[in-house]
Amino acid sequence: HKNLALGHWSQMSFIEQMANIGSEVERALNWKAKHNSAYCQQAFERS
């Protein structure tokens, strides 16, 4: 998320930001359900 930290993130609407956070949380939940703790942790950290 290096590009996002450079200012692009703050240009997104609140809804877009929350949707992107939700996508990462969804990934973490999917990996948790598949018992892949490494990928779950990575998605959780990105969220």
All heavy atoms as atom14 arrays in JSON, in Angstrom:
{
  "sequence": "HKNLALGHWSQMSFIEQMANIGSEVERALNWKAKHNSAYCQQAFERS",
  "atom14_mask": [
    [1, 1, 1, 1, 1, 1, 1, 1, 1, 1, 0, 0, 0, 0],
    [1, 1, 1, 1, 1, 1, 1, 1, 1, 0, 0, 0, 0, 0],
    [1, 1, 1, 1, 1, 1, 1, 1, 0, 0, 0, 0, 0, 0],
    [1, 1, 1, 1, 1, 1, 1, 1, 0, 0, 0, 0, 0, 0],
    [1, 1, 1, 1, 1, 0, 0, 0, 0, 0, 0, 0, 0, 0],
    [1, 1, 1, 1, 1, 1, 1, 1, 0, 0, 0, 0, 0, 0],
    [1, 1, 1, 1, 0, 0, 0, 0, 0, 0, 0, 0, 0, 0],
    [1, 1, 1, 1, 1, 1, 1, 1, 1, 1, 0, 0, 0, 0],
    [1, 1, 1, 1, 1, 1, 1, 1, 1, 1, 1, 1, 1, 1],
    [1, 1, 1, 1, 1, 1, 0, 0, 0, 0, 0, 0, 0, 0],
    [1, 1, 1, 1, 1, 1, 1, 1, 1, 0, 0, 0, 0, 0],
    [1, 1, 1, 1, 1, 1, 1, 1, 0, 0, 0, 0, 0, 0],
    [1, 1, 1, 1, 1, 1, 0, 0, 0, 0, 0, 0, 0, 0],
    [1, 1, 1, 1, 1, 1, 1, 1, 1, 1, 1, 0, 0, 0],
    [1, 1, 1, 1, 1, 1, 1, 1, 0, 0, 0, 0, 0, 0],
    [1, 1, 1, 1, 1, 1, 1, 1, 1, 0, 0, 0, 0, 0],
    [1, 1, 1, 1, 1, 1, 1, 1, 1, 0, 0, 0, 0, 0],
    [1, 1, 1, 1, 1, 1, 1, 1, 0, 0, 0, 0, 0, 0],
    [1, 1, 1, 1, 1, 0, 0, 0, 0, 0, 0, 0, 0, 0],
    [1, 1, 1, 1, 1, 1, 1, 1, 0, 0, 0, 0, 0, 0],
    [1, 1, 1, 1, 1, 1, 1, 1, 0, 0, 0, 0, 0, 0],
    [1, 1, 1, 1, 0, 0, 0, 0, 0, 0, 0, 0, 0, 0],
    [1, 1, 1, 1, 1, 1, 0, 0, 0, 0, 0, 0, 0, 0],
    [1, 1, 1, 1, 1, 1, 1, 1, 1, 0, 0, 0, 0, 0],
    [1, 1, 1, 1, 1, 1, 1, 0, 0, 0, 0, 0, 0, 0],
    [1, 1, 1, 1, 1, 1, 1, 1, 1, 0, 0, 0, 0, 0],
    [1, 1, 1, 1, 1, 1, 1, 1, 1, 1, 1, 0, 0, 0],
    [1, 1, 1, 1, 1, 0, 0, 0, 0, 0, 0, 0, 0, 0],
    [1, 1, 1, 1, 1, 1, 1, 1, 0, 0, 0, 0, 0, 0],
    [1, 1, 1, 1, 1, 1, 1, 1, 0, 0, 0, 0, 0, 0],
    [1, 1, 1, 1, 1, 1, 1, 1, 1, 1, 1, 1, 1, 1],
    [1, 1, 1, 1, 1, 1, 1, 1, 1, 0, 0, 0, 0, 0],
    [1, 1, 1, 1, 1, 0, 0, 0, 0, 0, 0, 0, 0, 0],
    [1, 1, 1, 1, 1, 1, 1, 1, 1, 0, 0, 0, 0, 0],
    [1, 1, 1, 1, 1, 1, 1, 1, 1, 1, 0, 0, 0, 0],
    [1, 1, 1, 1, 1, 1, 1, 1, 0, 0, 0, 0, 0, 0],
    [1, 1, 1, 1, 1, 1, 0, 0, 0, 0, 0, 0, 0, 0],
    [1, 1, 1, 1, 1, 0, 0, 0, 0, 0, 0, 0, 0, 0],
    [1, 1, 1, 1, 1, 1, 1, 1, 1, 1, 1, 1, 0, 0],
    [1, 1, 1, 1, 1, 1, 0, 0, 0, 0, 0, 0, 0, 0],
    [1, 1, 1, 1, 1, 1, 1, 1, 1, 0, 0, 0, 0, 0],
    [1, 1, 1, 1, 1, 1, 1, 1, 1, 0, 0, 0, 0, 0],
    [1, 1, 1, 1, 1, 0, 0, 0, 0, 0, 0, 0, 0, 0],
    [1, 1, 1, 1, 1, 1, 1, 1, 1, 1, 1, 0, 0, 0],
    [1, 1, 1, 1, 1, 1, 1, 1, 1, 0, 0, 0, 0, 0],
    [1, 1, 1, 1, 1, 1, 1, 1, 1, 1, 1, 0, 0, 0],
    [1, 1, 1, 1, 1, 1, 0, 0, 0, 0, 0, 0, 0, 0]
  ],
  "atom14_positions": [
    [[0.8, -1.2, 0.0], [0.0, 0.0, 0.0], [0.85, 1.26, 0.0], [0.43, 2.3, 0.5], [-0.95, 0.0, 1.19], [-1.92, -1.13, 1.15], [-1.96, -2.09, 2.12], [-2.86, -1.47, 0.25], [-2.9, -2.96, 1.82], [-3.46, -2.6, 0.69], [0.0, 0.0, 0.0], [0.0, 0.0, 0.0], [0.0, 0.0, 0.0], [0.0, 0.0, 0.0]],
    [[2.03, 1.14, -0.58], [2.94, 2.29, -0.62], [2.36, 3.45, -1.41], [2.45, 4.6, -0.99], [4.29, 1.87, -1.19], [5.03, 0.92, -0.29], [6.32, 0.43, -0.93], [6.94, -0.63, -0.05], [8.04, -1.29, -0.69], [0.0, 0.0, 0.0], [0.0, 0.0, 0.0], [0.0, 0.0, 0.0], [0.0, 0.0, 0.0], [0.0, 0.0, 0.0]],
    [[1.76, 3.18, -2.57], [1.17, 4.25, -3.38], [0.01, 4.92, -2.66], [-0.18, 6.13, -2.77], [0.69, 3.72, -4.73], [1.84, 3.3, -5.62], [2.97, 3.77, -5.44], [1.57, 2.45, -6.58], [0.0, 0.0, 0.0], [0.0, 0.0, 0.0], [0.0, 0.0, 0.0], [0.0, 0.0, 0.0], [0.0, 0.0, 0.0], [0.0, 0.0, 0.0]],
    [[-0.75, 4.15, -1.93], [-1.88, 4.72, -1.21], [-1.42, 5.66, -0.11], [-2.03, 6.7, 0.13], [-2.74, 3.6, -0.61], [-3.43, 2.69, -1.62], [-4.16, 1.57, -0.9], [-4.39, 3.47, -2.49], [0.0, 0.0, 0.0], [0.0, 0.0, 0.0], [0.0, 0.0, 0.0], [0.0, 0.0, 0.0], [0.0, 0.0, 0.0], [0.0, 0.0, 0.0]],
    [[-0.32, 5.31, 0.53], [0.21, 6.15, 1.61], [0.75, 7.47, 1.09], [0.87, 8.43, 1.84], [1.29, 5.39, 2.37], [0.0, 0.0, 0.0], [0.0, 0.0, 0.0], [0.0, 0.0, 0.0], [0.0, 0.0, 0.0], [0.0, 0.0, 0.0], [0.0, 0.0, 0.0], [0.0, 0.0, 0.0], [0.0, 0.0, 0.0], [0.0, 0.0, 0.0]],
    [[1.06, 7.54, -0.19], [1.62, 8.76, -0.76], [0.56, 9.81, -1.07], [0.87, 10.84, -1.62], [2.42, 8.43, -2.03], [3.67, 7.59, -1.82], [4.31, 7.23, -3.15], [4.66, 8.34, -0.94], [0.0, 0.0, 0.0], [0.0, 0.0, 0.0], [0.0, 0.0, 0.0], [0.0, 0.0, 0.0], [0.0, 0.0, 0.0], [0.0, 0.0, 0.0]],
    [[-0.66, 9.56, -0.72], [-1.69, 10.58, -0.9], [-2.91, 10.13, -1.66], [-3.96, 10.77, -1.56], [0.0, 0.0, 0.0], [0.0, 0.0, 0.0], [0.0, 0.0, 0.0], [0.0, 0.0, 0.0], [0.0, 0.0, 0.0], [0.0, 0.0, 0.0], [0.0, 0.0, 0.0], [0.0, 0.0, 0.0], [0.0, 0.0, 0.0], [0.0, 0.0, 0.0]],
    [[-2.8, 9.08, -2.42], [-3.96, 8.62, -3.19], [-5.1, 8.21, -2.27], [-6.27, 8.43, -2.58], [-3.56, 7.47, -4.11], [-4.7, 6.93, -4.92], [-5.33, 7.67, -5.9], [-5.35, 5.74, -4.87], [-6.31, 6.94, -6.42], [-6.35, 5.78, -5.81], [0.0, 0.0, 0.0], [0.0, 0.0, 0.0], [0.0, 0.0, 0.0], [0.0, 0.0, 0.0]],
    [[-4.79, 7.63, -1.14], [-5.82, 7.15, -0.22], [-6.7, 8.29, 0.27], [-7.92, 8.16, 0.33], [-5.17, 6.43, 0.97], [-6.16, 5.73, 1.83], [-6.61, 6.15, 3.05], [-6.84, 4.51, 1.56], [-7.52, 5.25, 3.55], [-7.68, 4.23, 2.65], [-6.81, 3.61, 0.5], [-8.48, 3.11, 2.72], [-7.62, 2.48, 0.56], [-8.44, 2.24, 1.66]],
    [[-6.1, 9.4, 0.62], [-6.88, 10.53, 1.15], [-7.75, 11.18, 0.07], [-8.69, 11.92, 0.4], [-5.97, 11.57, 1.78], [-5.08, 12.1, 0.83], [0.0, 0.0, 0.0], [0.0, 0.0, 0.0], [0.0, 0.0, 0.0], [0.0, 0.0, 0.0], [0.0, 0.0, 0.0], [0.0, 0.0, 0.0], [0.0, 0.0, 0.0], [0.0, 0.0, 0.0]],
    [[-7.49, 10.89, -1.19], [-8.31, 11.42, -2.28], [-9.54, 10.56, -2.53], [-10.46, 10.98, -3.22], [-7.48, 11.54, -3.56], [-6.36, 12.55, -3.44], [-5.43, 12.51, -4.64], [-5.62, 11.73, -5.57], [-4.4, 13.35, -4.61], [0.0, 0.0, 0.0], [0.0, 0.0, 0.0], [0.0, 0.0, 0.0], [0.0, 0.0, 0.0], [0.0, 0.0, 0.0]],
    [[-9.55, 9.36, -1.99], [-10.7, 8.46, -2.16], [-11.81, 8.88, -1.2], [-11.54, 9.44, -0.13], [-10.29, 7.01, -1.86], [-9.26, 6.46, -2.82], [-8.61, 4.87, -2.29], [-9.94, 3.82, -2.82], [0.0, 0.0, 0.0], [0.0, 0.0, 0.0], [0.0, 0.0, 0.0], [0.0, 0.0, 0.0], [0.0, 0.0, 0.0], [0.0, 0.0, 0.0]],
    [[-13.04, 8.57, -1.57], [-14.16, 8.86, -0.67], [-14.11, 7.91, 0.52], [-13.47, 6.85, 0.47], [-15.49, 8.69, -1.41], [-15.77, 7.33, -1.64], [0.0, 0.0, 0.0], [0.0, 0.0, 0.0], [0.0, 0.0, 0.0], [0.0, 0.0, 0.0], [0.0, 0.0, 0.0], [0.0, 0.0, 0.0], [0.0, 0.0, 0.0], [0.0, 0.0, 0.0]],
    [[-14.81, 8.29, 1.57], [-14.88, 7.44, 2.76], [-15.45, 6.07, 2.41], [-14.96, 5.04, 2.88], [-15.72, 8.13, 3.84], [-15.88, 7.32, 5.08], [-14.81, 7.12, 5.94], [-17.1, 6.75, 5.4], [-14.96, 6.37, 7.1], [-17.27, 6.0, 6.54], [-16.19, 5.8, 7.4], [0.0, 0.0, 0.0], [0.0, 0.0, 0.0], [0.0, 0.0, 0.0]],
    [[-16.46, 6.06, 1.57], [-17.08, 4.78, 1.18], [-16.09, 3.91, 0.43], [-16.0, 2.7, 0.68], [-18.36, 5.03, 0.34], [-19.45, 5.61, 1.25], [-18.84, 3.77, -0.35], [-20.7, 6.03, 0.54], [0.0, 0.0, 0.0], [0.0, 0.0, 0.0], [0.0, 0.0, 0.0], [0.0, 0.0, 0.0], [0.0, 0.0, 0.0], [0.0, 0.0, 0.0]],
    [[-15.31, 4.49, -0.47], [-14.29, 3.72, -1.2], [-13.22, 3.19, -0.25], [-12.77, 2.04, -0.39], [-13.64, 4.59, -2.28], [-14.57, 4.92, -3.43], [-13.96, 5.94, -4.39], [-13.35, 6.93, -3.92], [-14.09, 5.72, -5.59], [0.0, 0.0, 0.0], [0.0, 0.0, 0.0], [0.0, 0.0, 0.0], [0.0, 0.0, 0.0], [0.0, 0.0, 0.0]],
    [[-12.82, 4.0, 0.7], [-11.83, 3.55, 1.67], [-12.37, 2.36, 2.47], [-11.69, 1.35, 2.62], [-11.46, 4.69, 2.63], [-10.66, 5.8, 1.99], [-10.41, 6.96, 2.93], [-10.95, 7.04, 4.03], [-9.58, 7.89, 2.49], [0.0, 0.0, 0.0], [0.0, 0.0, 0.0], [0.0, 0.0, 0.0], [0.0, 0.0, 0.0], [0.0, 0.0, 0.0]],
    [[-13.6, 2.49, 2.95], [-14.19, 1.4, 3.74], [-14.4, 0.15, 2.9], [-14.22, -0.97, 3.4], [-15.5, 1.87, 4.36], [-15.33, 2.96, 5.41], [-14.34, 2.44, 6.82], [-15.51, 1.39, 7.66], [0.0, 0.0, 0.0], [0.0, 0.0, 0.0], [0.0, 0.0, 0.0], [0.0, 0.0, 0.0], [0.0, 0.0, 0.0], [0.0, 0.0, 0.0]],
    [[-14.74, 0.3, 1.63], [-14.9, -0.86, 0.75], [-13.56, -1.57, 0.56], [-13.51, -2.81, 0.57], [-15.45, -0.42, -0.6], [0.0, 0.0, 0.0], [0.0, 0.0, 0.0], [0.0, 0.0, 0.0], [0.0, 0.0, 0.0], [0.0, 0.0, 0.0], [0.0, 0.0, 0.0], [0.0, 0.0, 0.0], [0.0, 0.0, 0.0], [0.0, 0.0, 0.0]],
    [[-12.48, -0.81, 0.43], [-11.16, -1.43, 0.29], [-10.73, -2.12, 1.57], [-10.15, -3.21, 1.53], [-10.13, -0.38, -0.14], [-10.19, -0.1, -1.61], [-9.74, -0.9, -2.42], [-10.79, 1.02, -1.98], [0.0, 0.0, 0.0], [0.0, 0.0, 0.0], [0.0, 0.0, 0.0], [0.0, 0.0, 0.0], [0.0, 0.0, 0.0], [0.0, 0.0, 0.0]],
    [[-11.01, -1.51, 2.69], [-10.73, -2.17, 3.97], [-11.53, -3.46, 4.05], [-11.01, -4.52, 4.43], [-11.07, -1.25, 5.16], [-10.13, -0.04, 5.18], [-11.02, -2.01, 6.48], [-10.58, 1.08, 6.11], [0.0, 0.0, 0.0], [0.0, 0.0, 0.0], [0.0, 0.0, 0.0], [0.0, 0.0, 0.0], [0.0, 0.0, 0.0], [0.0, 0.0, 0.0]],
    [[-12.8, -3.39, 3.67], [-13.66, -4.56, 3.68], [-13.14, -5.69, 2.8], [-13.24, -6.86, 3.16], [0.0, 0.0, 0.0], [0.0, 0.0, 0.0], [0.0, 0.0, 0.0], [0.0, 0.0, 0.0], [0.0, 0.0, 0.0], [0.0, 0.0, 0.0], [0.0, 0.0, 0.0], [0.0, 0.0, 0.0], [0.0, 0.0, 0.0], [0.0, 0.0, 0.0]],
    [[-12.57, -5.34, 1.67], [-12.01, -6.36, 0.78], [-10.86, -7.11, 1.47], [-10.75, -8.33, 1.35], [-11.51, -5.73, -0.51], [-12.59, -5.24, -1.25], [0.0, 0.0, 0.0], [0.0, 0.0, 0.0], [0.0, 0.0, 0.0], [0.0, 0.0, 0.0], [0.0, 0.0, 0.0], [0.0, 0.0, 0.0], [0.0, 0.0, 0.0], [0.0, 0.0, 0.0]],
    [[-10.03, -6.37, 2.18], [-8.92, -7.02, 2.89], [-9.42, -7.88, 4.05], [-8.92, -8.97, 4.29], [-7.91, -5.99, 3.4], [-7.09, -5.34, 2.32], [-6.2, -6.3, 1.52], [-5.94, -7.44, 1.95], [-5.78, -5.88, 0.43], [0.0, 0.0, 0.0], [0.0, 0.0, 0.0], [0.0, 0.0, 0.0], [0.0, 0.0, 0.0], [0.0, 0.0, 0.0]],
    [[-10.44, -7.38, 4.75], [-11.02, -8.17, 5.85], [-11.66, -9.44, 5.28], [-11.52, -10.52, 5.85], [-12.02, -7.34, 6.67], [-12.79, -8.22, 7.66], [-11.32, -6.2, 7.39], [0.0, 0.0, 0.0], [0.0, 0.0, 0.0], [0.0, 0.0, 0.0], [0.0, 0.0, 0.0], [0.0, 0.0, 0.0], [0.0, 0.0, 0.0], [0.0, 0.0, 0.0]],
    [[-12.34, -9.31, 4.14], [-12.93, -10.49, 3.47], [-11.84, -11.52, 3.14], [-12.02, -12.71, 3.35], [-13.64, -10.08, 2.19], [-14.91, -9.31, 2.41], [-16.15, -10.17, 2.34], [-16.06, -11.32, 1.87], [-17.2, -9.69, 2.77], [0.0, 0.0, 0.0], [0.0, 0.0, 0.0], [0.0, 0.0, 0.0], [0.0, 0.0, 0.0], [0.0, 0.0, 0.0]],
    [[-10.72, -11.04, 2.62], [-9.61, -11.95, 2.3], [-9.12, -12.65, 3.57], [-8.88, -13.86, 3.56], [-8.46, -11.19, 1.64], [-8.72, -10.83, 0.22], [-7.48, -10.16, -0.42], [-7.85, -9.59, -1.69], [-8.19, -8.32, -1.9], [-8.19, -7.46, -0.9], [-8.52, -7.9, -3.09], [0.0, 0.0, 0.0], [0.0, 0.0, 0.0], [0.0, 0.0, 0.0]],
    [[-8.97, -11.88, 4.63], [-8.51, -12.48, 5.89], [-9.51, -13.54, 6.38], [-9.1, -14.62, 6.82], [-8.32, -11.4, 6.94], [0.0, 0.0, 0.0], [0.0, 0.0, 0.0], [0.0, 0.0, 0.0], [0.0, 0.0, 0.0], [0.0, 0.0, 0.0], [0.0, 0.0, 0.0], [0.0, 0.0, 0.0], [0.0, 0.0, 0.0], [0.0, 0.0, 0.0]],
    [[-10.79, -13.23, 6.3], [-11.81, -14.2, 6.71], [-11.79, -15.45, 5.85], [-11.91, -16.57, 6.35], [-13.2, -13.55, 6.66], [-13.48, -12.45, 7.68], [-14.79, -11.74, 7.35], [-13.51, -13.01, 9.1], [0.0, 0.0, 0.0], [0.0, 0.0, 0.0], [0.0, 0.0, 0.0], [0.0, 0.0, 0.0], [0.0, 0.0, 0.0], [0.0, 0.0, 0.0]],
    [[-11.61, -15.27, 4.54], [-11.55, -16.42, 3.63], [-10.35, -17.31, 3.95], [-10.47, -18.53, 3.97], [-11.5, -15.96, 2.17], [-12.81, -15.35, 1.71], [-13.86, -15.59, 2.3], [-12.75, -14.55, 0.66], [0.0, 0.0, 0.0], [0.0, 0.0, 0.0], [0.0, 0.0, 0.0], [0.0, 0.0, 0.0], [0.0, 0.0, 0.0], [0.0, 0.0, 0.0]],
    [[-9.19, -16.68, 4.19], [-8.0, -17.47, 4.5], [-8.12, -18.12, 5.87], [-7.66, -19.25, 6.07], [-6.74, -16.62, 4.41], [-6.38, -16.3, 3.0], [-6.31, -15.06, 2.42], [-6.05, -17.23, 1.95], [-5.97, -15.17, 1.1], [-5.8, -16.48, 0.78], [-5.95, -18.62, 1.89], [-5.46, -17.08, -0.42], [-5.61, -19.21, 0.69], [-5.37, -18.45, -0.45]],
    [[-8.77, -17.46, 6.8], [-8.99, -18.06, 8.12], [-9.86, -19.31, 7.98], [-9.59, -20.33, 8.6], [-9.64, -17.05, 9.06], [-9.83, -17.56, 10.46], [-10.4, -16.5, 11.38], [-10.54, -17.09, 12.77], [-11.0, -16.1, 13.73], [0.0, 0.0, 0.0], [0.0, 0.0, 0.0], [0.0, 0.0, 0.0], [0.0, 0.0, 0.0], [0.0, 0.0, 0.0]],
    [[-10.9, -19.22, 7.17], [-11.79, -20.36, 6.95], [-11.07, -21.53, 6.29], [-11.41, -22.69, 6.51], [-12.99, -19.94, 6.11], [0.0, 0.0, 0.0], [0.0, 0.0, 0.0], [0.0, 0.0, 0.0], [0.0, 0.0, 0.0], [0.0, 0.0, 0.0], [0.0, 0.0, 0.0], [0.0, 0.0, 0.0], [0.0, 0.0, 0.0], [0.0, 0.0, 0.0]],
    [[-10.04, -21.21, 5.49], [-9.25, -22.24, 4.82], [-8.08, -22.71, 5.67], [-7.25, -23.49, 5.22], [-8.74, -21.72, 3.48], [-9.84, -21.47, 2.48], [-9.29, -20.89, 1.19], [-10.43, -20.59, 0.22], [-9.95, -20.0, -1.03], [0.0, 0.0, 0.0], [0.0, 0.0, 0.0], [0.0, 0.0, 0.0], [0.0, 0.0, 0.0], [0.0, 0.0, 0.0]],
    [[-7.99, -22.2, 6.89], [-6.95, -22.55, 7.85], [-5.54, -22.23, 7.34], [-4.59, -22.97, 7.61], [-7.05, -24.03, 8.25], [-8.4, -24.4, 8.77], [-8.85, -23.98, 10.0], [-9.4, -25.1, 8.21], [-10.08, -24.43, 10.19], [-10.45, -25.11, 9.12], [0.0, 0.0, 0.0], [0.0, 0.0, 0.0], [0.0, 0.0, 0.0], [0.0, 0.0, 0.0]],
    [[-5.44, -21.14, 6.58], [-4.13, -20.68, 6.1], [-3.77, -19.45, 6.92], [-4.08, -18.32, 6.56], [-4.19, -20.37, 4.61], [-2.82, -20.08, 4.04], [-1.97, -19.49, 4.7], [-2.61, -20.48, 2.8], [0.0, 0.0, 0.0], [0.0, 0.0, 0.0], [0.0, 0.0, 0.0], [0.0, 0.0, 0.0], [0.0, 0.0, 0.0], [0.0, 0.0, 0.0]],
    [[-3.1, -19.69, 8.04], [-2.83, -18.6, 8.99], [-1.86, -17.57, 8.43], [-1.97, -16.38, 8.77], [-2.32, -19.16, 10.31], [-1.14, -19.9, 10.11], [0.0, 0.0, 0.0], [0.0, 0.0, 0.0], [0.0, 0.0, 0.0], [0.0, 0.0, 0.0], [0.0, 0.0, 0.0], [0.0, 0.0, 0.0], [0.0, 0.0, 0.0], [0.0, 0.0, 0.0]],
    [[-0.94, -17.97, 7.57], [0.03, -17.02, 7.02], [-0.67, -16.0, 6.12], [-0.46, -14.78, 6.27], [1.12, -17.75, 6.24], [0.0, 0.0, 0.0], [0.0, 0.0, 0.0], [0.0, 0.0, 0.0], [0.0, 0.0, 0.0], [0.0, 0.0, 0.0], [0.0, 0.0, 0.0], [0.0, 0.0, 0.0], [0.0, 0.0, 0.0], [0.0, 0.0, 0.0]],
    [[-1.5, -16.45, 5.21], [-2.21, -15.55, 4.31], [-3.26, -14.74, 5.07], [-3.5, -13.57, 4.76], [-2.85, -16.3, 3.16], [-1.89, -16.74, 2.09], [-2.33, -17.47, 1.0], [-0.53, -16.44, 2.15], [-1.46, -17.88, -0.01], [0.34, -16.86, 1.16], [-0.13, -17.57, 0.09], [0.74, -17.98, -0.9], [0.0, 0.0, 0.0], [0.0, 0.0, 0.0]],
    [[-3.89, -15.36, 6.05], [-4.85, -14.65, 6.89], [-4.16, -13.49, 7.6], [-4.67, -12.37, 7.61], [-5.47, -15.6, 7.91], [-6.59, -14.8, 9.07], [0.0, 0.0, 0.0], [0.0, 0.0, 0.0], [0.0, 0.0, 0.0], [0.0, 0.0, 0.0], [0.0, 0.0, 0.0], [0.0, 0.0, 0.0], [0.0, 0.0, 0.0], [0.0, 0.0, 0.0]],
    [[-3.0, -13.75, 8.15], [-2.24, -12.72, 8.86], [-1.85, -11.57, 7.92], [-1.94, -10.4, 8.29], [-0.99, -13.33, 9.51], [-0.14, -12.36, 10.28], [-0.77, -11.89, 11.56], [-1.63, -12.55, 12.14], [-0.38, -10.72, 12.02], [0.0, 0.0, 0.0], [0.0, 0.0, 0.0], [0.0, 0.0, 0.0], [0.0, 0.0, 0.0], [0.0, 0.0, 0.0]],
    [[-1.43, -11.91, 6.72], [-1.04, -10.88, 5.75], [-2.22, -9.99, 5.38], [-2.1, -8.76, 5.34], [-0.45, -11.52, 4.49], [0.89, -12.16, 4.72], [1.36, -12.97, 3.52], [0.69, -13.0, 2.48], [2.5, -13.63, 3.66], [0.0, 0.0, 0.0], [0.0, 0.0, 0.0], [0.0, 0.0, 0.0], [0.0, 0.0, 0.0], [0.0, 0.0, 0.0]],
    [[-3.37, -10.59, 5.12], [-4.56, -9.8, 4.78], [-5.02, -8.97, 5.98], [-5.42, -7.81, 5.82], [-5.68, -10.72, 4.3], [0.0, 0.0, 0.0], [0.0, 0.0, 0.0], [0.0, 0.0, 0.0], [0.0, 0.0, 0.0], [0.0, 0.0, 0.0], [0.0, 0.0, 0.0], [0.0, 0.0, 0.0], [0.0, 0.0, 0.0], [0.0, 0.0, 0.0]],
    [[-4.94, -9.55, 7.16], [-5.29, -8.83, 8.38], [-4.38, -7.6, 8.55], [-4.86, -6.5, 8.83], [-5.16, -9.77, 9.58], [-5.12, -9.08, 10.9], [-6.25, -8.48, 11.43], [-3.95, -9.04, 11.63], [-6.21, -7.84, 12.66], [-3.9, -8.41, 12.86], [-5.03, -7.81, 13.37], [0.0, 0.0, 0.0], [0.0, 0.0, 0.0], [0.0, 0.0, 0.0]],
    [[-3.09, -7.77, 8.35], [-2.15, -6.65, 8.48], [-2.4, -5.58, 7.43], [-2.32, -4.38, 7.73], [-0.71, -7.15, 8.41], [-0.31, -7.94, 9.64], [1.07, -8.58, 9.53], [1.75, -8.4, 8.49], [1.44, -9.29, 10.48], [0.0, 0.0, 0.0], [0.0, 0.0, 0.0], [0.0, 0.0, 0.0], [0.0, 0.0, 0.0], [0.0, 0.0, 0.0]],
    [[-2.74, -6.0, 6.2], [-3.07, -5.01, 5.17], [-4.32, -4.23, 5.54], [-4.39, -3.02, 5.32], [-3.24, -5.68, 3.8], [-1.93, -6.12, 3.17], [-2.12, -6.56, 1.73], [-3.11, -7.6, 1.55], [-2.87, -8.9, 1.56], [-1.63, -9.34, 1.75], [-3.84, -9.78, 1.36], [0.0, 0.0, 0.0], [0.0, 0.0, 0.0], [0.0, 0.0, 0.0]],
    [[-5.3, -4.91, 6.13], [-6.52, -4.21, 6.55], [-6.19, -3.17, 7.62], [-6.73, -2.07, 7.6], [-7.6, -5.18, 7.03], [-7.28, -5.74, 8.28], [0.0, 0.0, 0.0], [0.0, 0.0, 0.0], [0.0, 0.0, 0.0], [0.0, 0.0, 0.0], [0.0, 0.0, 0.0], [0.0, 0.0, 0.0], [0.0, 0.0, 0.0], [0.0, 0.0, 0.0]]
  ]
}
